[in-house]
PDB file of N, CA and C in Angstrom:
ATOM      1  N   UNK A   1      20.283 -23.565   7.518  1.00  0.00           N
ATOM      2  CA  UNK A   1      20.585 -22.712   7.525  1.00  0.00           C
ATOM      3  C   UNK A   1      19.505 -21.756   6.368  1.00  0.00           C
ATOM      4  N   UNK A   2      20.097 -21.877   4.766  1.00  0.00           N
ATOM      5  CA  UNK A   2      19.458 -21.508   3.958  1.00  0.00           C
ATOM      6  C   UNK A   2      18.207 -20.808   3.428  1.00  0.00           C
ATOM      7  N   UNK A   3      17.963 -22.033   3.686  1.00  0.00           N
ATOM      8  CA  UNK A   3      16.453 -22.608   4.067  1.00  0.00           C
ATOM      9  C   UNK A   3      15.283 -21.614   4.830  1.00  0.00           C
ATOM     10  N   UNK A   4      16.421 -20.917   5.985  1.00  0.00           N
ATOM     11  CA  UNK A   4      15.363 -20.432   6.906  1.00  0.00           C
ATOM     12  C   UNK A   4      15.460 -18.798   6.120  1.00  0.00           C
ATOM     13  N   UNK A   5      16.598 -18.446   5.817  1.00  0.00           N
ATOM     14  CA  UNK A   5      16.670 -17.437   5.461  1.00  0.00           C
ATOM     15  C   UNK A   5      15.790 -16.819   4.156  1.00  0.00           C
ATOM     16  N   UNK A   6      15.903 -17.780   2.802  1.00  0.00           N
ATOM     17  CA  UNK A   6      15.114 -17.701   1.906  1.00  0.00           C
ATOM     18  C   UNK A   6      13.756 -17.436   2.448  1.00  0.00           C
ATOM     19  N   UNK A   7      13.704 -18.575   3.001  1.00  0.00           N
ATOM     20  CA  UNK A   7      12.215 -18.431   3.843  1.00  0.00           C
ATOM     21  C   UNK A   7      11.524 -16.631   3.915  1.00  0.00           C
ATOM     22  N   UNK A   8      12.333 -16.595   4.936  1.00  0.00           N
ATOM     23  CA  UNK A   8      12.497 -15.103   6.090  1.00  0.00           C
ATOM     24  C   UNK A   8      12.543 -13.636   4.828  1.00  0.00           C
ATOM     25  N   UNK A   9      13.284 -13.961   3.798  1.00  0.00           N
ATOM     26  CA  UNK A   9      13.337 -13.263   2.498  1.00  0.00           C
ATOM     27  C   UNK A   9      12.191 -13.431   2.055  1.00  0.00           C
ATOM     28  N   UNK A  10      11.365 -14.440   1.810  1.00  0.00           N
ATOM     29  CA  UNK A  10      10.319 -14.002   0.560  1.00  0.00           C
ATOM     30  C   UNK A  10       9.201 -13.692   2.003  1.00  0.00           C
ATOM     31  N   UNK A  11       9.162 -13.694   3.025  1.00  0.00           N
ATOM     32  CA  UNK A  11       7.657 -13.852   3.979  1.00  0.00           C
ATOM     33  C   UNK A  11       8.247 -11.949   3.775  1.00  0.00           C
ATOM     34  N   UNK A  12       9.326 -11.566   4.302  1.00  0.00           N
ATOM     35  CA  UNK A  12       9.853  -9.912   3.712  1.00  0.00           C
ATOM     36  C   UNK A  12       9.039  -9.094   2.763  1.00  0.00           C
ATOM     37  N   UNK A  13       9.478 -10.009   2.056  1.00  0.00           N
ATOM     38  CA  UNK A  13       9.547  -9.294   0.144  1.00  0.00           C
ATOM     39  C   UNK A  13       7.756  -9.369   0.003  1.00  0.00           C
ATOM     40  N   UNK A  14       7.058 -10.402   0.561  1.00  0.00           N
ATOM     41  CA  UNK A  14       5.402 -10.284   0.632  1.00  0.00           C
ATOM     42  C   UNK A  14       4.695  -9.458   1.401  1.00  0.00           C
ATOM     43  N   UNK A  15       5.650  -8.951   2.069  1.00  0.00           N
ATOM     44  CA  UNK A  15       5.406  -8.289   3.428  1.00  0.00           C
ATOM     45  C   UNK A  15       4.897  -6.920   2.683  1.00  0.00           C
ATOM     46  N   UNK A  16       6.075  -5.968   2.615  1.00  0.00           N
ATOM     47  CA  UNK A  16       6.300  -5.212   1.628  1.00  0.00           C
ATOM     48  C   UNK A  16       6.004  -5.361   0.350  1.00  0.00           C
ATOM     49  N   UNK A  17       5.555  -6.000  -0.144  1.00  0.00           N
ATOM     50  CA  UNK A  17       4.406  -5.638  -1.365  1.00  0.00           C
ATOM     51  C   UNK A  17       2.803  -5.530  -1.392  1.00  0.00           C
ATOM     52  N   UNK A  18       2.137  -6.399   0.156  1.00  0.00           N
ATOM     53  CA  UNK A  18       1.246  -6.002   0.835  1.00  0.00           C
ATOM     54  C   UNK A  18       1.127  -4.567   0.870  1.00  0.00           C
ATOM     55  N   UNK A  19       2.370  -4.193   1.727  1.00  0.00           N
ATOM     56  CA  UNK A  19       2.206  -2.769   1.845  1.00  0.00           C
ATOM     57  C   UNK A  19       1.964  -1.299   1.421  1.00  0.00           C
ATOM     58  N   UNK A  20       2.762  -2.238  -0.019  1.00  0.00           N
ATOM     59  CA  UNK A  20       2.910  -1.714  -1.149  1.00  0.00           C
ATOM     60  C   UNK A  20       2.091  -1.225  -1.547  1.00  0.00           C
ATOM     61  N   UNK A  21       1.169  -1.991  -1.720  1.00  0.00           N
ATOM     62  CA  UNK A  21      -0.572  -2.101  -2.557  1.00  0.00           C
ATOM     63  C   UNK A  21      -1.388  -1.828  -1.539  1.00  0.00           C
ATOM     64  N   UNK A  22      -1.259  -1.708  -0.207  1.00  0.00           N
ATOM     65  CA  UNK A  22      -2.492  -0.931   0.677  1.00  0.00           C
ATOM     66  C   UNK A  22      -2.144   0.611   0.558  1.00  0.00           C
ATOM     67  N   UNK A  23      -0.957   0.836   0.464  1.00  0.00           N
ATOM     68  CA  UNK A  23      -0.631   2.385   0.229  1.00  0.00           C
ATOM     69  C   UNK A  23      -1.098   3.099  -0.792  1.00  0.00           C
ATOM     70  N   UNK A  24      -0.829   2.305  -1.970  1.00  0.00           N
ATOM     71  CA  UNK A  24      -1.186   2.488  -3.029  1.00  0.00           C
ATOM     72  C   UNK A  24      -3.088   2.953  -3.236  1.00  0.00           C
ATOM     73  N   UNK A  25      -3.962   1.778  -3.098  1.00  0.00           N
ATOM     74  CA  UNK A  25      -5.061   1.916  -2.663  1.00  0.00           C
ATOM     75  C   UNK A  25      -5.675   2.915  -2.215  1.00  0.00           C
ATOM     76  N   UNK A  26      -4.767   3.233  -0.340  1.00  0.00           N
ATOM     77  CA  UNK A  26      -5.486   4.405  -0.086  1.00  0.00           C
ATOM     78  C   UNK A  26      -5.569   5.525  -0.326  1.00  0.00           C
ATOM     79  N   UNK A  27      -4.014   6.114  -1.403  1.00  0.00           N
ATOM     80  CA  UNK A  27      -3.818   6.847  -2.451  1.00  0.00           C
ATOM     81  C   UNK A  27      -4.696   7.200  -3.203  1.00  0.00           C
ATOM     82  N   UNK A  28      -5.226   5.942  -3.707  1.00  0.00           N
ATOM     83  CA  UNK A  28      -5.889   6.021  -4.672  1.00  0.00           C
ATOM     84  C   UNK A  28      -7.099   6.825  -4.451  1.00  0.00           C
ATOM     85  N   UNK A  29      -7.901   6.145  -3.167  1.00  0.00           N
ATOM     86  CA  UNK A  29      -9.022   6.834  -2.258  1.00  0.00           C
ATOM     87  C   UNK A  29      -9.198   8.006  -2.002  1.00  0.00           C
ATOM     88  N   UNK A  30      -7.923   8.141  -1.420  1.00  0.00           N
ATOM     89  CA  UNK A  30      -8.357  10.046  -0.959  1.00  0.00           C
ATOM     90  C   UNK A  30      -7.849  10.764  -2.615  1.00  0.00           C
ATOM     91  N   UNK A  31      -7.544   9.908  -3.628  1.00  0.00           N
ATOM     92  CA  UNK A  31      -7.218  11.104  -4.680  1.00  0.00           C
ATOM     93  C   UNK A  31      -8.706  11.379  -5.212  1.00  0.00           C
ATOM     94  N   UNK A  32      -9.807  10.586  -5.437  1.00  0.00           N
ATOM     95  CA  UNK A  32     -10.829   9.962  -5.648  1.00  0.00           C
ATOM     96  C   UNK A  32     -12.037  11.053  -4.572  1.00  0.00           C
ATOM     97  N   UNK A  33     -11.737  10.682  -3.244  1.00  0.00           N
ATOM     98  CA  UNK A  33     -11.712  11.781  -2.689  1.00  0.00           C
ATOM     99  C   UNK A  33     -12.253  13.054  -3.198  1.00  0.00           C
ATOM    100  N   UNK A  34     -10.914  13.471  -2.985  1.00  0.00           N
ATOM    101  CA  UNK A  34     -10.529  15.017  -3.376  1.00  0.00           C
ATOM    102  C   UNK A  34     -11.340  15.463  -4.781  1.00  0.00           C
ATOM    103  N   UNK A  35     -10.999  14.444  -5.104  1.00  0.00           N
ATOM    104  CA  UNK A  35     -11.837  14.616  -6.881  1.00  0.00           C
ATOM    105  C   UNK A  35     -13.372  15.380  -6.905  1.00  0.00           C
ATOM    106  N   UNK A  36     -13.720  14.297  -6.292  1.00  0.00           N
ATOM    107  CA  UNK A  36     -15.683  14.104  -6.449  1.00  0.00           C
ATOM    108  C   UNK A  36     -16.072  15.176  -5.036  1.00  0.00           C
ATOM    109  N   UNK A  37     -15.309  15.369  -4.240  1.00  0.00           N
ATOM    110  CA  UNK A  37     -15.740  16.064  -3.169  1.00  0.00           C
ATOM    111  C   UNK A  37     -16.177  17.958  -3.888  1.00  0.00           C
ATOM    112  N   UNK A  38     -16.884  18.436  -2.966  1.00  0.00           N
ATOM    113  CA  UNK A  38     -17.883  20.111  -3.748  1.00  0.00           C
ATOM    114  C   UNK A  38     -16.397  20.868  -2.832  1.00  0.00           C
ATOM    115  N   UNK A  39     -15.789  21.712  -3.709  1.00  0.00           N
ATOM    116  CA  UNK A  39     -14.592  22.469  -3.503  1.00  0.00           C
ATOM    117  C   UNK A  39     -15.803  23.283  -1.882  1.00  0.00           C
ATOM    118  N   UNK A  40     -14.900  23.668  -0.967  1.00  0.00           N
ATOM    119  CA  UNK A  40     -15.698  24.627   0.129  1.00  0.00           C
ATOM    120  C   UNK A  40     -15.310  26.129  -0.003  1.00  0.00           C
ATOM    121  N   UNK A  41     -15.701  26.726  -0.551  1.00  0.00           N
ATOM    122  CA  UNK A  41     -15.924  28.373  -0.936  1.00  0.00           C
ATOM    123  C   UNK A  41     -16.438  29.225  -0.039  1.00  0.00           C
ATOM    124  N   UNK A  42     -16.501  29.317   1.034  1.00  0.00           N
ATOM    125  CA  UNK A  42     -16.785  30.025   2.215  1.00  0.00           C
ATOM    126  C   UNK A  42     -15.492  30.871   2.297  1.00  0.00           C
TER     127      UNK A  42
END
């Protein structure tokens, strides 16, 4: 039983890590997009 709980905790931890990395990459891409596009001065 403890083995199953440990595996489940590891999977949840890995999922949270991957989700954090994906969000970080998306935020970084959005920041670069904002910084490198010309402002709309209309």
